[in-house]
Amino acid sequence: MKARALFSRSEMLTMNINTLKERGVTVEDIANVAYQQQLKWNDQISMKECTDSVEKILSLRDTFHILQLGVEIDRLAEENIIREPIREILQSDLGMFGVDELFGLEIAGLFGTIGKTNFGDIDVNKPGIVKQLNADGKDGAVKCHTFLDDIVGAIAAAASTRVAQISNETEARKDPNYKEIQLDFDL
C-alpha cells in the first residue's frame, strides 16, 4: 500500500502534537510562551485562547510540513546520519547557520509582519520551552534542537499574533457603525 501524502487538518494537528511530545514539548508549553508574550499588551487574554491558537497553528498545512521536516532533520543529525560538514553545523547549532530561523520566519509569517516581529522577540529572548530546547541542544548534548527551538518559538509567535488579531476583531465589532459582512475567513 502506498504511503499517504495528504492529511486533514485534524490529522495534521494530531501528528504535530505527537511529534512535539516525542521531542518533549506540549501544546501547553507553547501556549505559555504565547500567553506571556501577549500578556504584555493585553491582560484580558486567557491561557485557553492561547492554547486554542497554538492548536490552530499546528493544524495548518505549512506548519505541518515545516515541523515534520525540521524535527526529522534534527533527528537525523542526532543519529549521525547527515554527512559532514552539515552534521556538525546542526549539532552545534551554529549561530551563523540561519536556515532554522527561515523555518521559523515561514511559520510566523503566516500571521504577517507582526507574527515575524513576535518571532524575533521570542528568538532573541528565548522564553520558557524555547530556552529549554535551545539549552538542551547545546554543548555536545545528545539532543539536536537546531530546528525545533525556532519552530516552537514561531508557533508561539503565530499563536500570540492570532490572539491579538481575534481581540482586535472583537473590539472592532463593538463599533456602532459595524456591519456584518459574510466572509469565508477563519482566523
Foldseek 3Di string as FASTA:
>chain_A
DDDDDDDALVVQLVVLQVLQVVVPDHLLQLLVLLCVVLCVPDVPDDSVLSSVLLSVLSSDPLLSVLSVVLSVVQVCLLVVNDDPPVSVCQLALDPPPCVLLVSLCVSLCVLPPQSNVQLVVCVVVVDGPLVVLVVCSHDPHSGGCSNVSSSSSSSSSNSSSVSVVVVVVVVVCVPPPDDDDDDPDDD
